[in-house]
Each structure stands twice: as structure tokens, then as C-alpha cells.
Amino acid sequence: METFARVAPDRNPQECLAALHELEDEDVRSGVHSAFDGASELRSALRPGTWALVTSNYEHRVRGRFARTGLPVPEVLVDAAAVEEGKPSPVPYLRAAARLGAAPEDCLVVEDAPSGVRAGLGAGMTVWGVNTPVPVDGVHRHFGSPRAAVREILAFASGSSGGSGGSGGPSGEPEVYPGDALPGQ
């Protein structure tokens, strides 16, 4: 709503949001979706219940897009309806960590948007950036693509990688991933 008020001050923000929802729902029904390179490998290597999807979108759209990519939806999904404060607030990532039973400092956030990076950092988590030509301000590590990050993410998950400052998380600790980093649009 705040964005619509800024970019279209002469339009009713509620009407803009309704139009956006219609476009998003149509995209889920008829859009072309494929998984980012590396997403399937990453998804199949992660143990169920050890990772979450945190998105500013809604669960029905996430499920529709994941179905079109062939990727299963994680057991823990925190969507826009699950929280009162979305990204850049840390609340969505903190909710995911709590549902995973993980301490925030043991979580890895993989993000592609500045608001998500700020949310992960605000939650006290390690934040790695993907899918951006240059690092988003604040990320601990940057990868140009999910494919480039797969090995390092799996190493972090196993406790054999240096997280934000060279110390890896404990073996098997949960990781937290954003909604837009795995399925492509």
C-alpha cells in the first residue's frame, strides 16, 4: 500500500493492490515458470523440515508456481498473510526460524532483494545475496546466481562452511531461504 501511495499518488492504493492481485493470479495460472539453475539440486539435498520459504507473496501463488517448476513446497512457509509486518521487517524471518526451532544466529538467509537482505540482517541471521549483478548492501557473501551458491549453501547447512565471519553453523542447523530465490519467474 505504501508503494502504491508513492508511485501512483493519484490512484486509490486499494484498487492498485486489487489489480496487482489479479495480474499475479493470472500469472500463476498461465505464466511460464521454471526453476532457477541449481534449485532442484539444492532442494533435493536439503533435509525436509530444515529449511523454510519466506516470501512477500501469498501461499496459493507460491504453491502454484512451485507446482509449475516441479519443485516441492517446503514444510515451513511464511507468506504475507502469516505476518503483520513484511520485509524489510525481520518478523517474517524470525517467524520462520521459530517454526523451524532454530536460533536466528544459526540461520542462513539467501536473498535477492534489498528489503529481504535488511529483514535477514535485522533478524540477526547470516545473509547471502544471489541473482544480482552486484551485492546488495549488507550481504555477508554474494553469488551471481543460485547455481553459483549451491555448493556453499550445502556446506553451510552441513556446518563445513564459513558463514558471515568464517565460522560455520553447527552441523544440520536449519537454513532459511526467501520466497523468490528458488523458483524462477
Protein backbone atom coordinates (compact mmCIF):
# COMPACT_ATOMS: atom_id res chain seq x y z
CA MET A 1 0.00 0.00 0.00
CA GLU A 2 2.84 2.38 0.86
CA THR A 3 4.49 1.72 -2.50
CA PHE A 4 1.29 2.41 -4.43
CA ALA A 5 0.80 5.64 -2.49
CA ARG A 6 4.32 6.73 -3.52
CA VAL A 7 4.37 5.63 -7.15
CA ALA A 8 0.73 6.35 -8.02
CA PRO A 9 -0.41 9.08 -5.60
CA ASP A 10 -3.40 9.93 -7.81
CA ARG A 11 -4.76 6.34 -7.66
CA ASN A 12 -6.59 4.50 -4.91
CA PRO A 13 -4.00 2.17 -3.32
CA GLN A 14 -6.67 -0.48 -2.63
CA GLU A 15 -7.65 -0.53 -6.32
CA CYS A 16 -4.00 -0.77 -7.35
CA LEU A 17 -3.48 -3.69 -4.98
CA ALA A 18 -6.57 -5.46 -6.31
CA ALA A 19 -5.30 -5.05 -9.88
CA LEU A 20 -1.89 -6.38 -8.87
CA HIS A 21 -3.50 -9.42 -7.22
CA GLU A 22 -5.47 -10.14 -10.39
CA LEU A 23 -2.30 -9.95 -12.50
CA GLU A 24 -0.38 -12.17 -10.07
CA ASP A 25 -3.16 -14.78 -10.01
CA GLU A 26 -3.34 -14.82 -13.79
CA ASP A 27 0.42 -15.24 -13.96
CA VAL A 28 0.19 -18.29 -11.68
CA ARG A 29 -2.47 -19.78 -13.97
CA SER A 30 -0.89 -19.03 -17.33
CA GLY A 31 2.66 -17.74 -16.85
CA VAL A 32 5.77 -19.62 -17.83
CA HIS A 33 7.72 -20.70 -14.76
CA SER A 34 10.90 -22.69 -14.42
CA ALA A 35 13.24 -23.30 -11.54
CA PHE A 36 16.46 -21.34 -11.38
CA ASP A 37 19.50 -23.35 -12.37
CA GLY A 38 20.65 -25.20 -9.25
CA ALA A 39 17.32 -25.01 -7.39
CA SER A 40 16.37 -28.65 -7.96
CA GLU A 41 19.80 -29.88 -6.84
CA LEU A 42 19.67 -27.67 -3.76
CA ARG A 43 16.11 -28.64 -2.90
CA SER A 44 16.77 -32.36 -3.19
CA ALA A 45 19.88 -32.14 -0.98
CA LEU A 46 18.18 -30.31 1.89
CA ARG A 47 16.55 -32.44 4.56
CA PRO A 48 12.79 -31.88 4.93
CA GLY A 49 11.95 -29.65 7.86
CA THR A 50 15.34 -27.93 7.88
CA TRP A 51 14.53 -25.02 5.61
CA ALA A 52 11.76 -22.51 5.13
CA LEU A 53 10.47 -20.35 2.37
CA VAL A 54 9.88 -16.72 3.38
CA THR A 55 8.00 -14.66 0.83
CA SER A 56 6.18 -11.37 0.49
CA ASN A 57 3.70 -13.18 -1.76
CA TYR A 58 0.81 -15.44 -0.79
CA GLU A 59 0.90 -19.20 -0.25
CA HIS A 60 -1.55 -20.07 -3.04
CA ARG A 61 0.68 -18.31 -5.58
CA VAL A 62 3.82 -19.91 -4.20
CA ARG A 63 2.21 -23.36 -4.41
CA GLY A 64 1.04 -22.70 -7.96
CA ARG A 65 4.44 -21.53 -9.13
CA PHE A 66 6.29 -24.34 -7.38
CA ALA A 67 3.94 -26.86 -8.97
CA ARG A 68 4.78 -25.45 -12.39
CA THR A 69 8.52 -25.74 -11.67
CA GLY A 70 8.26 -29.28 -10.35
CA LEU A 71 9.77 -28.29 -7.00
CA PRO A 72 8.05 -29.40 -3.78
CA VAL A 73 6.98 -26.68 -1.36
CA PRO A 74 8.86 -26.76 1.95
CA GLU A 75 7.12 -27.80 5.14
CA VAL A 76 7.59 -24.31 6.59
CA LEU A 77 6.28 -21.43 4.50
CA VAL A 78 5.92 -17.91 5.86
CA ASP A 79 3.90 -15.78 3.46
CA ALA A 80 2.42 -12.26 3.51
CA ALA A 81 -0.68 -13.48 5.34
CA ALA A 82 1.37 -15.08 8.13
CA VAL A 83 2.81 -11.82 9.44
CA GLU A 84 1.59 -8.32 10.13
CA GLU A 85 4.94 -6.78 9.21
CA GLY A 86 6.57 -7.84 5.95
CA LYS A 87 10.11 -7.40 4.73
CA PRO A 88 12.17 -5.30 5.49
CA SER A 89 10.93 -6.09 8.99
CA PRO A 90 12.78 -9.07 10.50
CA VAL A 91 9.45 -10.56 11.63
CA PRO A 92 8.98 -12.97 8.67
CA TYR A 93 12.46 -14.48 9.08
CA LEU A 94 12.12 -14.67 12.85
CA ARG A 95 8.78 -16.45 12.41
CA ALA A 96 10.40 -18.98 10.05
CA ALA A 97 13.27 -19.61 12.46
CA ALA A 98 10.83 -20.16 15.33
CA ARG A 99 8.77 -22.60 13.26
CA LEU A 100 11.97 -24.48 12.40
CA GLY A 101 13.04 -24.49 16.04
CA ALA A 102 16.25 -22.66 15.13
CA ALA A 103 18.12 -19.82 16.74
CA PRO A 104 18.31 -16.86 14.36
CA GLU A 105 22.11 -16.75 14.53
CA ASP A 106 22.20 -20.33 13.18
CA CYS A 107 20.10 -19.47 10.11
CA LEU A 108 21.20 -18.62 6.59
CA VAL A 109 19.07 -16.27 4.52
CA VAL A 110 19.57 -16.37 0.75
CA GLU A 111 18.07 -13.20 -0.73
CA ASP A 112 17.87 -11.27 -3.96
CA ALA A 113 16.12 -8.09 -2.79
CA PRO A 114 17.30 -5.20 -0.61
CA SER A 115 14.21 -5.43 1.63
CA GLY A 116 14.85 -9.13 2.25
CA VAL A 117 18.51 -8.51 2.99
CA ARG A 118 17.55 -5.86 5.55
CA ALA A 119 14.99 -8.28 7.06
CA GLY A 120 17.54 -11.08 7.41
CA LEU A 121 20.19 -8.79 8.87
CA GLY A 122 17.65 -7.32 11.28
CA ALA A 123 16.80 -10.85 12.40
CA GLY A 124 20.46 -11.45 13.27
CA MET A 125 20.94 -14.08 10.56
CA THR A 126 23.73 -14.70 8.08
CA VAL A 127 22.62 -13.23 4.75
CA TRP A 128 23.95 -14.24 1.34
CA GLY A 129 22.85 -12.49 -1.83
CA VAL A 130 22.00 -14.22 -5.12
CA ASN A 131 20.70 -13.24 -8.56
CA THR A 132 22.04 -9.72 -8.55
CA PRO A 133 24.90 -8.42 -10.68
CA VAL A 134 26.37 -6.60 -7.67
CA PRO A 135 25.97 -7.35 -3.97
CA VAL A 136 23.03 -5.81 -2.18
CA ASP A 137 24.32 -3.60 0.64
CA GLY A 138 24.91 -5.59 3.79
CA VAL A 139 25.14 -9.15 2.48
CA HIS A 140 27.84 -11.30 4.03
CA ARG A 141 28.53 -13.07 0.71
CA HIS A 142 27.37 -12.56 -2.86
CA PHE A 143 26.70 -15.04 -5.68
CA GLY A 144 25.63 -14.02 -9.16
CA SER A 145 23.21 -16.94 -9.40
CA PRO A 146 21.65 -19.68 -7.27
CA ARG A 147 23.75 -22.24 -9.21
CA ALA A 148 26.93 -20.49 -8.03
CA ALA A 149 25.74 -20.67 -4.42
CA VAL A 150 24.53 -24.30 -4.22
CA ARG A 151 27.78 -25.88 -3.02
CA GLU A 152 28.37 -23.15 -0.43
CA ILE A 153 24.78 -23.27 0.85
CA LEU A 154 25.03 -27.04 1.30
CA ALA A 155 28.39 -26.61 3.04
CA PHE A 156 26.82 -24.05 5.39
CA ALA A 157 23.96 -26.47 6.07
CA SER A 158 26.41 -29.22 6.95
CA GLY A 159 28.47 -26.91 9.16
CA SER A 160 31.58 -27.06 6.98
CA SER A 161 31.41 -23.54 5.52
CA GLY A 162 32.37 -20.16 6.84
CA GLY A 163 29.15 -18.23 7.41
CA SER A 164 29.33 -14.47 7.82
CA GLY A 165 32.65 -14.27 9.56
CA GLY A 166 34.39 -17.53 8.84
CA SER A 167 32.61 -19.70 11.38
CA GLY A 168 30.15 -22.23 10.06
CA GLY A 169 26.90 -23.13 11.77
CA PRO A 170 26.52 -26.41 13.65
CA SER A 171 26.01 -29.49 11.52
CA GLY A 172 22.45 -29.89 10.37
CA GLU A 173 21.24 -26.49 11.53
CA PRO A 174 18.23 -25.16 9.61
CA GLU A 175 18.64 -22.63 6.86
CA VAL A 176 16.10 -20.02 5.80
CA TYR A 177 15.54 -19.15 2.15
CA PRO A 178 13.46 -16.37 0.62
CA GLY A 179 10.43 -16.98 -1.48
CA ASP A 180 11.94 -15.74 -4.70
CA ALA A 181 15.35 -17.39 -4.58
CA LEU A 182 14.34 -20.91 -5.59
CA PRO A 183 11.55 -20.87 -8.16
CA GLY A 184 12.18 -18.63 -11.14
CA GLN A 185 9.55 -16.46 -12.74
